[in-house]
């Protein structure tokens, strides 16, 4: 709606439609919003030295209400500018959010959507603390409280659990804005509300183990014991194949034939009606190697040995390297699928409903495959358990842009494919996805738009801001415009997880519940000295032993 000229031309009579207590009047109305004319003198008298929600009346991101019949229509101020032809007046663009019943001077029983629209001349009123309390404190759905509604000091901000998890969510914020602590806060509140839940968090930097030591299970390279035979064929190819193009296709054909033969040697395979290269049936790496050597013996020309030798060399390398022992150990051949999934998904939760998978010790060349396997297990379990009593799963992925990048690189294709599928189809099967990232513009196109709730902290990059803004509904744009101005530990929450878009001051977490993600204080730490020789000795020992 272009209001640059039309409104200014027709305001000669001032804000005649404004009633007592109003800050202005409606001038133009469209399907999703309106244009209002505010009286700046009235705004100054109203706000004064107040420190409640009325103090921000008329500012970008503030809430206003318009009486329409027996309802208050709630709107958000998206843009303001000075009126071209009438001194002391402010032109504001409003986005409609929903409506509530009239309860005295306040609104009650708020609901999204608009059934009746205002008319030009209807008065615009500020939303006060009583209104906010009725909107947010009267939540009758399962919810968790995460902070206070800005700019109040006591109106609690809630996330609706079913809305948040039922449609996926994303938490976005630049480095240093409190993103990790905010993630821990939300998960702590969810864990407290659902002690029998089932949450898997992929932690690439080992930050969250300390935060959930008392309420979760910590899995890392020392105790993960991820069986290699749980990989499907595509994941096998990412681990075992080192070539590209036509050579990769030839290597893949050989691997498929030998892998199927290795799986078929397990007694379990004899009980299955159909066995494929993707079937999670245990097999021995030695059987896979024997199959490759056997195929080599059938060749007539020595020149054809190259793909077999490449495969054999790579498998022997993985089997012999202690860094990969958490996955390729010979002790992981027995059928531990049920116990592994029970431990990973917390089935039963036993009061510890979250698994923190610390990936910091996983070799970088295989970490995407590990994430792919764990993510696919979540999705596959949800699919194959549809006829059983439902156990919804939440998969939280830190540094999500590493695994679902915007570029179509061949490396990491398996993890990208499974996470994109969870984003698009997961909610049908009871799988919720939580994406945590500092670079939303680096996420694959369409993934962020699948998230029904966006929790946006300060984003310093204009490209990231534009990407988030494009993924949000029109009614939230006024809030999102304030993202660059957010302080640390503040966020904008929009979507299915909240009653209306809100700006939130997040609660503080006790030190023992925070992730180990604090920035080092150079000014303080560079004053310390001593024991450098011992520090070096211990560090080099761990370095050489590739141990934690």
Protein backbone atom coordinates (compact mmCIF):
# COMPACT_ATOMS: atom_id res chain seq x y z
CA UNK A 1 0.00 0.00 0.00
CA UNK A 2 1.59 3.26 -1.12
CA UNK A 3 0.68 5.96 1.37
CA UNK A 4 3.40 8.51 0.60
CA UNK A 5 1.12 11.05 -1.02
CA UNK A 6 -2.50 10.05 -0.54
CA UNK A 7 -2.53 10.35 3.22
CA UNK A 8 -0.69 13.63 3.37
CA UNK A 9 -3.10 15.25 0.96
CA UNK A 10 -6.12 14.55 3.10
CA UNK A 11 -5.05 15.42 6.66
CA UNK A 12 -5.72 19.09 6.71
CA UNK A 13 -8.27 18.73 9.47
CA UNK A 14 -5.85 17.03 11.86
CA UNK A 15 -6.62 13.84 13.69
CA UNK A 16 -10.34 14.47 13.99
CA UNK A 17 -11.21 10.80 14.34
CA UNK A 18 -9.08 10.34 17.46
CA UNK A 19 -11.10 9.76 20.63
CA UNK A 20 -10.15 10.21 24.29
CA UNK A 21 -7.00 8.27 25.06
CA UNK A 22 -6.24 7.75 21.39
CA UNK A 23 -2.91 8.63 19.85
CA UNK A 24 -4.26 9.03 16.33
CA UNK A 25 -6.75 7.79 13.76
CA UNK A 26 -6.99 5.38 10.86
CA UNK A 27 -6.65 6.96 7.40
CA UNK A 28 -6.42 4.04 4.95
CA UNK A 29 -7.28 0.33 5.28
CA UNK A 30 -6.14 -2.66 3.25
CA UNK A 31 -6.50 -6.43 3.69
CA UNK A 32 -3.46 -6.96 5.90
CA UNK A 33 -2.96 -3.58 7.50
CA UNK A 34 -3.73 0.11 7.58
CA UNK A 35 -2.23 3.58 7.51
CA UNK A 36 -2.76 5.75 10.59
CA UNK A 37 -2.02 9.36 11.43
CA UNK A 38 -0.51 9.86 14.91
CA UNK A 39 -0.52 13.13 16.84
CA UNK A 40 3.07 13.61 18.03
CA UNK A 41 1.99 16.03 20.80
CA UNK A 42 -0.41 13.43 22.20
CA UNK A 43 2.31 10.79 22.01
CA UNK A 44 4.69 12.96 24.02
CA UNK A 45 2.07 13.68 26.69
CA UNK A 46 1.08 10.02 26.88
CA UNK A 47 4.51 8.42 27.05
CA UNK A 48 6.28 11.02 29.18
CA UNK A 49 8.56 9.33 31.69
CA UNK A 50 6.66 6.04 31.71
CA UNK A 51 8.64 2.79 31.82
CA UNK A 52 5.89 0.36 30.74
CA UNK A 53 4.70 -0.75 27.30
CA UNK A 54 2.98 2.60 26.68
CA UNK A 55 6.40 4.30 26.79
CA UNK A 56 7.12 2.95 23.29
CA UNK A 57 3.72 3.87 21.82
CA UNK A 58 3.99 4.93 18.20
CA UNK A 59 7.52 3.56 17.74
CA UNK A 60 8.45 0.91 15.20
CA UNK A 61 7.58 -2.49 16.64
CA UNK A 62 5.09 -1.16 19.20
CA UNK A 63 1.55 -2.49 19.47
CA UNK A 64 -1.64 -0.49 19.00
CA UNK A 65 -5.35 -1.33 19.09
CA UNK A 66 -8.42 -0.08 17.22
CA UNK A 67 -12.00 -0.58 18.42
CA UNK A 68 -14.11 -2.30 15.76
CA UNK A 69 -17.62 -3.14 16.92
CA UNK A 70 -17.35 -5.37 19.98
CA UNK A 71 -13.66 -6.17 19.45
CA UNK A 72 -10.26 -4.59 19.79
CA UNK A 73 -8.23 -5.08 16.62
CA UNK A 74 -4.54 -5.46 17.46
CA UNK A 75 -1.84 -4.12 15.14
CA UNK A 76 1.89 -3.67 14.97
CA UNK A 77 3.63 -0.45 13.87
CA UNK A 78 5.85 -1.35 10.94
CA UNK A 79 6.98 2.07 9.66
CA UNK A 80 6.66 5.71 10.74
CA UNK A 81 7.57 8.99 9.04
CA UNK A 82 6.79 12.66 9.35
CA UNK A 83 3.70 13.86 7.52
CA UNK A 84 4.65 15.93 4.49
CA UNK A 85 1.91 18.57 4.74
CA UNK A 86 0.82 18.71 8.36
CA UNK A 87 3.27 19.70 11.12
CA UNK A 88 3.14 17.66 14.29
CA UNK A 89 1.63 14.61 12.62
CA UNK A 90 3.23 11.20 12.05
CA UNK A 91 2.23 8.77 9.31
CA UNK A 92 2.40 5.14 10.47
CA UNK A 93 1.92 1.87 8.63
CA UNK A 94 0.24 -0.86 10.70
CA UNK A 95 0.12 -4.63 10.25
CA UNK A 96 -2.93 -6.41 11.67
CA UNK A 97 -2.16 -9.27 14.09
CA UNK A 98 -5.53 -10.38 15.45
CA UNK A 99 -8.42 -9.36 17.67
CA UNK A 100 -9.75 -9.74 21.18
CA UNK A 101 -12.96 -9.09 23.05
CA UNK A 102 -13.45 -5.77 24.83
CA UNK A 103 -12.93 -6.07 28.59
CA UNK A 104 -13.33 -2.56 29.96
CA UNK A 105 -10.51 -0.59 28.36
CA UNK A 106 -8.48 -3.78 27.75
CA UNK A 107 -8.76 -6.72 25.40
CA UNK A 108 -9.35 -10.36 26.29
CA UNK A 109 -9.61 -13.75 24.59
CA UNK A 110 -7.11 -12.75 21.92
CA UNK A 111 -7.04 -14.78 18.71
CA UNK A 112 -5.19 -14.44 15.44
CA UNK A 113 -6.96 -13.35 12.31
CA UNK A 114 -9.26 -10.47 11.42
CA UNK A 115 -13.04 -10.76 11.01
CA UNK A 116 -13.93 -7.05 10.85
CA UNK A 117 -11.85 -4.14 9.62
CA UNK A 118 -11.74 -0.55 10.91
CA UNK A 119 -12.94 2.43 8.94
CA UNK A 120 -11.05 5.67 8.23
CA UNK A 121 -11.43 7.94 11.23
CA UNK A 122 -11.49 5.17 13.88
CA UNK A 123 -9.25 5.97 16.83
CA UNK A 124 -5.90 4.23 17.41
CA UNK A 125 -4.97 3.49 21.04
CA UNK A 126 -1.72 2.28 22.62
CA UNK A 127 -1.51 -1.23 24.06
CA UNK A 128 -0.80 -1.05 27.79
CA UNK A 129 0.42 -3.52 30.37
CA UNK A 130 -3.08 -4.81 31.13
CA UNK A 131 -3.55 -5.69 27.47
CA UNK A 132 -0.22 -7.51 27.31
CA UNK A 133 -1.00 -9.38 30.52
CA UNK A 134 -4.31 -10.61 29.12
CA UNK A 135 -2.65 -11.69 25.86
CA UNK A 136 0.38 -13.47 27.32
CA UNK A 137 -0.44 -14.43 30.90
CA UNK A 138 -3.77 -16.02 30.03
CA UNK A 139 -2.21 -18.72 27.84
CA UNK A 140 -4.24 -21.89 28.35
CA UNK A 141 -2.07 -24.16 26.17
CA UNK A 142 1.03 -26.10 27.31
CA UNK A 143 3.84 -23.55 27.31
CA UNK A 144 7.22 -22.64 28.75
CA UNK A 145 8.24 -19.18 29.95
CA UNK A 146 11.51 -17.86 28.59
CA UNK A 147 11.62 -14.18 29.57
CA UNK A 148 9.66 -10.94 29.76
CA UNK A 149 7.81 -9.09 27.03
CA UNK A 150 9.67 -5.93 26.01
CA UNK A 151 9.46 -3.23 27.35
CA UNK A 152 7.64 -4.52 30.47
CA UNK A 153 9.48 -5.84 33.48
CA UNK A 154 6.96 -8.43 34.63
CA UNK A 155 4.75 -9.65 31.75
CA UNK A 156 6.02 -13.14 31.04
CA UNK A 157 6.78 -14.28 27.48
CA UNK A 158 5.81 -17.87 26.69
CA UNK A 159 6.53 -20.37 23.94
CA UNK A 160 3.66 -22.70 23.07
CA UNK A 161 5.21 -26.18 23.19
CA UNK A 162 3.00 -27.80 20.57
CA UNK A 163 3.19 -24.83 18.21
CA UNK A 164 6.96 -24.57 18.62
CA UNK A 165 7.75 -28.26 18.10
CA UNK A 166 4.89 -29.23 15.82
CA UNK A 167 6.07 -26.99 12.96
CA UNK A 168 9.88 -26.87 13.53
CA UNK A 169 11.77 -23.83 14.81
CA UNK A 170 14.95 -21.89 14.09
CA UNK A 171 17.07 -19.85 16.50
CA UNK A 172 19.25 -17.32 14.70
CA UNK A 173 21.83 -14.87 15.97
CA UNK A 174 25.29 -13.51 15.28
CA UNK A 175 28.25 -14.70 17.33
CA UNK A 176 28.32 -13.11 20.77
CA UNK A 177 24.60 -12.33 21.05
CA UNK A 178 23.88 -15.14 23.54
CA UNK A 179 22.65 -17.68 21.00
CA UNK A 180 24.04 -20.77 22.74
CA UNK A 181 22.80 -19.67 26.17
CA UNK A 182 19.37 -18.92 24.72
CA UNK A 183 19.27 -22.38 23.13
CA UNK A 184 20.16 -23.94 26.47
CA UNK A 185 17.50 -21.85 28.23
CA UNK A 186 14.73 -22.99 25.86
CA UNK A 187 15.80 -26.65 26.04
CA UNK A 188 16.06 -26.52 29.86
CA UNK A 189 12.50 -25.19 30.06
CA UNK A 190 11.23 -27.85 27.64
CA UNK A 191 13.05 -30.61 29.54
CA UNK A 192 11.56 -29.39 32.83
CA UNK A 193 8.07 -29.36 31.30
CA UNK A 194 8.50 -32.76 29.60
CA UNK A 195 10.78 -35.02 31.70
CA UNK A 196 9.71 -38.01 29.59
CA UNK A 197 10.51 -36.31 26.26
CA UNK A 198 12.88 -37.50 23.54
CA UNK A 199 15.42 -34.92 22.37
CA UNK A 200 18.63 -35.43 20.38
CA UNK A 201 21.01 -32.48 20.13
CA UNK A 202 23.93 -32.47 17.69
CA UNK A 203 26.65 -30.35 19.31
CA UNK A 204 29.62 -29.74 16.97
CA UNK A 205 31.74 -27.81 19.49
CA UNK A 206 31.12 -29.70 22.73
CA UNK A 207 29.47 -26.67 24.37
CA UNK A 208 26.33 -28.20 25.87
CA UNK A 209 27.64 -31.19 27.81
CA UNK A 210 28.19 -29.13 30.97
CA UNK A 211 24.79 -27.47 30.68
CA UNK A 212 22.85 -30.75 30.63
CA UNK A 213 25.04 -32.94 32.83
CA UNK A 214 22.21 -33.48 35.33
CA UNK A 215 19.25 -33.73 32.93
CA UNK A 216 20.73 -35.43 29.86
CA UNK A 217 22.98 -38.17 28.55
CA UNK A 218 26.29 -37.08 27.05
CA UNK A 219 27.55 -39.07 24.05
CA UNK A 220 30.98 -38.48 22.50
CA UNK A 221 33.69 -40.44 20.71
CA UNK A 222 34.51 -42.21 23.97
CA UNK A 223 31.07 -43.79 24.43
CA UNK A 224 29.01 -43.17 21.26
CA UNK A 225 29.67 -46.65 19.78
CA UNK A 226 27.96 -45.87 16.47
CA UNK A 227 27.91 -49.08 14.38
CA UNK A 228 29.23 -48.52 10.86
CA UNK A 229 26.72 -51.03 9.45
CA UNK A 230 23.87 -48.62 10.29
CA UNK A 231 24.98 -46.49 7.34
CA UNK A 232 22.89 -46.76 4.19
CA UNK A 233 24.53 -47.12 0.80
CA UNK A 234 24.78 -43.37 0.11
CA UNK A 235 26.55 -42.84 3.44
CA UNK A 236 28.87 -45.78 2.71
CA UNK A 237 29.81 -44.06 -0.55
CA UNK A 238 30.64 -40.79 1.23
CA UNK A 239 32.97 -42.63 3.61
CA UNK A 240 34.59 -45.22 1.35
CA UNK A 241 34.77 -43.53 -2.07
CA UNK A 242 37.47 -40.98 -2.84
CA UNK A 243 36.94 -40.41 -6.56
CA UNK A 244 34.62 -38.26 -8.68
CA UNK A 245 32.73 -38.56 -11.95
CA UNK A 246 32.87 -41.81 -13.93
CA UNK A 247 35.45 -43.34 -11.61
CA UNK A 248 33.13 -42.78 -8.63
CA UNK A 249 30.29 -44.53 -10.43
CA UNK A 250 32.52 -47.53 -11.13
CA UNK A 251 33.69 -47.64 -7.51
CA UNK A 252 30.08 -47.39 -6.29
CA UNK A 253 28.99 -50.35 -8.42
CA UNK A 254 31.73 -52.50 -6.93
CA UNK A 255 30.92 -51.35 -3.38
CA UNK A 256 27.21 -52.08 -3.82
CA UNK A 257 27.83 -55.63 -4.99
CA UNK A 258 30.33 -56.44 -2.25
CA UNK A 259 28.31 -54.71 0.50
CA UNK A 260 25.18 -56.67 -0.33
CA UNK A 261 27.18 -59.91 -0.27
CA UNK A 262 28.70 -58.99 3.13
CA UNK A 263 25.29 -58.19 4.66
CA UNK A 264 23.81 -61.44 3.31
CA UNK A 265 26.32 -63.50 5.36
CA UNK A 266 24.64 -62.45 8.61
CA UNK A 267 22.13 -64.97 9.98
CA UNK A 268 19.67 -62.11 10.43
CA UNK A 269 19.59 -61.64 6.65
CA UNK A 270 18.14 -65.14 6.26
CA UNK A 271 15.03 -64.09 8.21
CA UNK A 272 14.33 -61.04 6.07
CA UNK A 273 12.00 -61.17 3.11
CA UNK A 274 14.07 -58.61 1.24
CA UNK A 275 17.67 -57.58 1.74
CA UNK A 276 19.15 -54.45 0.14
CA UNK A 277 22.36 -52.49 0.44
CA UNK A 278 20.45 -50.04 2.67
CA UNK A 279 19.17 -52.66 5.12
CA UNK A 280 20.63 -52.04 8.62
CA UNK A 281 21.96 -55.60 8.93
CA UNK A 282 25.33 -56.10 10.68
CA UNK A 283 28.29 -57.25 8.61
CA UNK A 284 32.01 -57.69 9.12
CA UNK A 285 34.47 -55.33 7.47
CA UNK A 286 36.62 -58.40 6.86
CA UNK A 287 33.73 -59.92 4.84
CA UNK A 288 33.50 -56.73 2.80
CA UNK A 289 37.25 -56.83 2.15
CA UNK A 290 37.11 -60.51 1.21
CA UNK A 291 34.34 -59.74 -1.25
CA UNK A 292 36.45 -57.03 -2.88
CA UNK A 293 39.48 -59.32 -3.08
CA UNK A 294 37.32 -62.09 -4.50
CA UNK A 295 36.01 -59.82 -7.23
CA UNK A 296 39.58 -58.78 -8.02
CA UNK A 297 40.51 -62.41 -8.59
CA UNK A 298 37.91 -62.70 -11.32
CA UNK A 299 39.42 -59.91 -13.40
CA UNK A 300 41.26 -60.72 -16.60
CA UNK A 301 43.24 -57.50 -16.92
CA UNK A 302 45.53 -56.03 -14.29
CA UNK A 303 44.59 -52.53 -15.50
CA UNK A 304 41.10 -53.02 -14.02
CA UNK A 305 42.40 -53.43 -10.47
CA UNK A 306 42.51 -49.69 -9.60
CA UNK A 307 38.95 -49.24 -8.23
CA UNK A 308 39.23 -52.41 -6.13
CA UNK A 309 42.55 -51.34 -4.69
CA UNK A 310 41.18 -47.87 -3.85
CA UNK A 311 38.26 -49.38 -1.95
CA UNK A 312 40.41 -51.92 -0.16
CA UNK A 313 42.95 -49.30 0.87
CA UNK A 314 40.30 -46.89 2.22
CA UNK A 315 38.50 -49.56 4.26
CA UNK A 316 41.78 -50.79 5.78
CA UNK A 317 42.73 -47.20 6.59
CA UNK A 318 39.48 -46.58 8.47
CA UNK A 319 39.66 -49.89 10.30
CA UNK A 320 43.22 -49.30 11.43
CA UNK A 321 42.96 -45.61 12.44
CA UNK A 322 42.13 -45.25 16.18
CA UNK A 323 40.41 -41.90 15.52
CA UNK A 324 37.58 -43.80 13.85
CA UNK A 325 37.30 -46.43 16.58
CA UNK A 326 33.99 -45.00 17.86
CA UNK A 327 32.43 -46.16 14.57
CA UNK A 328 34.64 -48.76 12.89
CA UNK A 329 35.67 -50.84 15.87
CA UNK A 330 35.47 -54.61 15.41
CA UNK A 331 33.42 -54.71 18.65
CA UNK A 332 30.48 -52.97 16.94
CA UNK A 333 29.48 -55.88 14.71
CA UNK A 334 26.88 -57.49 17.00
CA UNK A 335 23.23 -56.46 16.59
CA UNK A 336 23.12 -53.48 18.98
CA UNK A 337 20.57 -51.49 16.97
CA UNK A 338 17.82 -51.60 19.61
CA UNK A 339 20.08 -50.64 22.52
CA UNK A 340 21.79 -47.90 20.52
CA UNK A 341 18.49 -46.29 19.46
CA UNK A 342 17.09 -46.61 22.99
CA UNK A 343 20.11 -44.79 24.40
CA UNK A 344 20.19 -42.15 21.65
CA UNK A 345 16.45 -41.35 21.66
CA UNK A 346 16.00 -41.80 25.43
CA UNK A 347 13.51 -44.67 25.20
CA UNK A 348 12.61 -44.62 28.06
CA UNK A 349 13.76 -41.16 29.13
CA UNK A 350 14.21 -42.06 32.83
CA UNK A 351 14.20 -38.39 33.80
CA UNK A 352 16.97 -37.54 31.31
CA UNK A 353 15.04 -36.70 28.14
CA UNK A 354 17.89 -35.15 26.13
CA UNK A 355 20.92 -36.73 24.46
CA UNK A 356 23.81 -34.37 23.78
CA UNK A 357 25.93 -35.81 20.96
CA UNK A 358 29.32 -34.10 21.28
CA UNK A 359 30.83 -34.14 17.79
CA UNK A 360 33.94 -32.13 18.65
CA UNK A 361 36.11 -35.26 18.76
CA UNK A 362 34.85 -36.71 15.47
CA UNK A 363 37.39 -36.38 12.60
CA UNK A 364 36.35 -33.54 10.29
CA UNK A 365 36.29 -35.73 7.17
CA UNK A 366 33.61 -37.99 8.61
CA UNK A 367 31.55 -35.64 10.80
CA UNK A 368 28.94 -34.94 8.11
CA UNK A 369 28.38 -38.68 7.67
CA UNK A 370 27.94 -39.14 11.43
CA UNK A 371 25.36 -36.33 11.46
CA UNK A 372 23.67 -37.90 8.42
CA UNK A 373 23.42 -41.31 10.11
CA UNK A 374 22.08 -39.91 13.39
CA UNK A 375 19.55 -37.63 11.64
CA UNK A 376 18.37 -40.40 9.34
CA UNK A 377 17.91 -42.76 12.29
CA UNK A 378 15.57 -40.19 13.84
CA UNK A 379 13.51 -39.94 10.67
CA UNK A 380 13.54 -43.65 9.83
CA UNK A 381 12.49 -44.60 13.36
CA UNK A 382 9.55 -42.19 13.13
CA UNK A 383 8.47 -43.69 9.80
CA UNK A 384 8.71 -47.35 10.80
CA UNK A 385 7.05 -46.83 14.21
CA UNK A 386 3.89 -45.19 12.87
CA UNK A 387 1.68 -48.12 13.95
CA UNK A 388 3.13 -48.06 17.48
CA UNK A 389 2.26 -45.75 20.41
CA UNK A 390 3.66 -42.38 19.30
CA UNK A 391 6.93 -41.09 20.71
CA UNK A 392 7.60 -37.74 18.98
CA UNK A 393 11.27 -36.82 18.61
CA UNK A 394 13.01 -33.44 18.59
CA UNK A 395 16.27 -33.15 16.65
CA UNK A 396 18.26 -29.99 17.44
CA UNK A 397 21.09 -29.17 15.05
CA UNK A 398 23.68 -26.58 16.09
CA UNK A 399 25.64 -24.82 13.34
CA UNK A 400 22.93 -25.97 10.93
CA UNK A 401 24.44 -24.08 7.98
CA UNK A 402 27.32 -26.58 8.02
CA UNK A 403 25.00 -29.48 7.25
CA UNK A 404 22.29 -27.86 5.09
CA UNK A 405 24.37 -25.35 3.08
CA UNK A 406 22.98 -23.17 0.32
CA UNK A 407 25.51 -24.52 -2.21
CA UNK A 408 24.97 -27.91 -3.82
CA UNK A 409 28.35 -29.40 -3.04
CA UNK A 410 28.72 -33.16 -3.53
CA UNK A 411 30.44 -33.54 -0.16
CA UNK A 412 27.84 -33.85 2.58
CA UNK A 413 24.98 -34.60 0.18
CA UNK A 414 23.59 -37.33 2.46
CA UNK A 415 23.18 -35.10 5.52
CA UNK A 416 21.71 -32.29 3.47
CA UNK A 417 19.18 -34.64 1.91
CA UNK A 418 17.96 -36.11 5.20
CA UNK A 419 17.70 -32.75 7.01
CA UNK A 420 15.82 -31.22 4.08
CA UNK A 421 13.45 -34.18 4.16
CA UNK A 422 12.88 -33.79 7.90
CA UNK A 423 12.18 -30.07 7.37
CA UNK A 424 9.60 -30.83 4.67
CA UNK A 425 8.00 -34.04 5.96
CA UNK A 426 9.07 -34.55 9.56
CA UNK A 427 5.98 -33.13 11.25
CA UNK A 428 3.80 -35.75 9.52
CA UNK A 429 5.72 -38.46 11.36
CA UNK A 430 6.21 -36.73 14.71
CA UNK A 431 9.74 -35.43 14.11
CA UNK A 432 10.50 -31.84 15.06
CA UNK A 433 13.59 -30.02 13.82
CA UNK A 434 15.35 -27.22 15.66
CA UNK A 435 17.94 -25.33 13.59
CA UNK A 436 20.51 -23.16 15.37
CA UNK A 437 22.75 -20.99 13.19
CA UNK A 438 24.63 -17.72 13.04
CA UNK A 439 24.43 -17.54 9.23
CA UNK A 440 20.83 -18.08 8.08
CA UNK A 441 21.68 -16.84 4.58
CA UNK A 442 24.01 -19.85 4.21
CA UNK A 443 21.17 -22.31 4.82
CA UNK A 444 19.70 -24.18 1.89
CA UNK A 445 16.89 -22.32 0.18
CA UNK A 446 13.51 -23.29 1.58
CA UNK A 447 14.71 -24.89 4.82
CA UNK A 448 14.21 -21.77 6.94
CA UNK A 449 10.77 -21.21 5.42
CA UNK A 450 9.76 -24.66 6.71
CA UNK A 451 10.31 -23.47 10.29
CA UNK A 452 6.99 -22.39 11.79
CA UNK A 453 8.68 -20.40 14.56
CA UNK A 454 11.62 -18.04 14.14
CA UNK A 455 13.56 -16.88 17.21
CA UNK A 456 15.81 -14.11 15.89
CA UNK A 457 18.53 -12.50 17.98
CA UNK A 458 20.70 -9.67 16.70
CA UNK A 459 22.01 -10.27 13.19
CA UNK A 460 24.79 -7.96 12.08
CA UNK A 461 24.94 -9.05 8.45
CA UNK A 462 22.47 -7.33 6.10
CA UNK A 463 22.22 -10.43 3.92
CA UNK A 464 21.21 -12.52 6.94
CA UNK A 465 18.65 -9.91 7.99
CA UNK A 466 17.08 -9.87 4.52
CA UNK A 467 16.97 -13.67 4.42
CA UNK A 468 15.13 -13.88 7.74
CA UNK A 469 12.77 -11.06 6.79
CA UNK A 470 11.82 -12.85 3.57
CA UNK A 471 10.98 -16.04 5.49
CA UNK A 472 8.56 -14.33 7.87
CA UNK A 473 4.87 -13.42 7.43
CA UNK A 474 3.88 -9.85 6.69
CA UNK A 475 2.56 -9.18 10.18
CA UNK A 476 5.99 -9.71 11.74
CA UNK A 477 7.93 -7.32 9.52
CA UNK A 478 7.75 -4.41 11.97
CA UNK A 479 9.36 -6.57 14.65
CA UNK A 480 12.02 -7.95 12.33
CA UNK A 481 13.09 -4.47 11.33
CA UNK A 482 14.36 -4.06 14.89
CA UNK A 483 16.69 -7.09 14.73
CA UNK A 484 19.87 -5.01 14.18
CA UNK A 485 19.02 -2.96 17.29
CA UNK A 486 18.53 -5.88 19.68
CA UNK A 487 20.72 -6.11 22.74
CA UNK A 488 22.44 -9.30 23.87
CA UNK A 489 19.96 -11.77 25.39
CA UNK A 490 17.08 -10.21 23.48
CA UNK A 491 15.18 -11.76 20.62
CA UNK A 492 12.20 -11.41 18.31
CA UNK A 493 9.88 -14.44 18.31
CA UNK A 494 7.41 -14.89 15.45
CA UNK A 495 5.28 -17.76 14.22
CA UNK A 496 3.35 -20.72 15.57
CA UNK A 497 5.19 -20.88 18.89
CA UNK A 498 3.83 -17.54 20.18
CA UNK A 499 0.44 -15.91 20.45
CA UNK A 500 1.63 -12.87 18.51
CA UNK A 501 5.10 -11.71 17.39
CA UNK A 502 6.96 -10.38 20.42
CA UNK A 503 10.26 -8.93 21.49
CA UNK A 504 11.59 -10.78 24.52
CA UNK A 505 14.17 -10.10 27.20
CA UNK A 506 15.40 -13.63 27.91
CA UNK A 507 15.82 -14.92 31.45
CA UNK A 508 19.26 -15.39 32.95
CA UNK A 509 20.52 -18.93 33.40
CA UNK A 510 22.36 -20.17 36.46
CA UNK A 511 26.08 -20.60 35.68
CA UNK A 512 25.94 -24.39 36.02
CA UNK A 513 23.17 -24.56 33.39
CA UNK A 514 24.99 -22.53 30.75
CA UNK A 515 26.92 -24.01 27.81
CA UNK A 516 30.70 -23.67 27.74
CA UNK A 517 30.63 -20.97 25.08
CA UNK A 518 31.85 -17.85 26.87
CA UNK A 519 34.28 -15.71 24.93
CA UNK A 520 37.78 -15.53 26.47
CA UNK A 521 38.73 -12.27 28.13
CA UNK A 522 42.00 -11.35 26.42
CA UNK A 523 42.60 -8.38 28.71
CA UNK A 524 42.40 -10.61 31.80
CA UNK A 525 43.94 -13.84 30.51
CA UNK A 526 46.95 -12.13 28.96
CA UNK A 527 47.96 -11.02 32.45
CA UNK A 528 48.38 -14.65 33.53
CA UNK A 529 51.73 -16.41 33.22
CA UNK A 530 53.44 -19.54 34.53
CA UNK A 531 53.34 -23.33 34.02
CA UNK A 532 53.57 -22.95 30.23
CA UNK A 533 55.91 -25.94 29.91
CA UNK A 534 53.43 -28.26 31.61
CA UNK A 535 50.57 -26.87 29.54
CA UNK A 536 52.51 -27.58 26.36
CA UNK A 537 53.43 -31.09 27.49
CA UNK A 538 49.84 -32.05 28.30
CA UNK A 539 48.50 -30.46 25.12
CA UNK A 540 51.02 -32.20 22.85
CA UNK A 541 50.31 -35.52 24.55
CA UNK A 542 46.58 -35.23 23.79
CA UNK A 543 47.39 -33.91 20.32
CA UNK A 544 49.58 -36.89 19.40
CA UNK A 545 47.23 -39.43 20.94
CA UNK A 546 44.20 -37.79 19.32
CA UNK A 547 42.51 -38.12 22.69
CA UNK A 548 40.24 -35.95 24.72
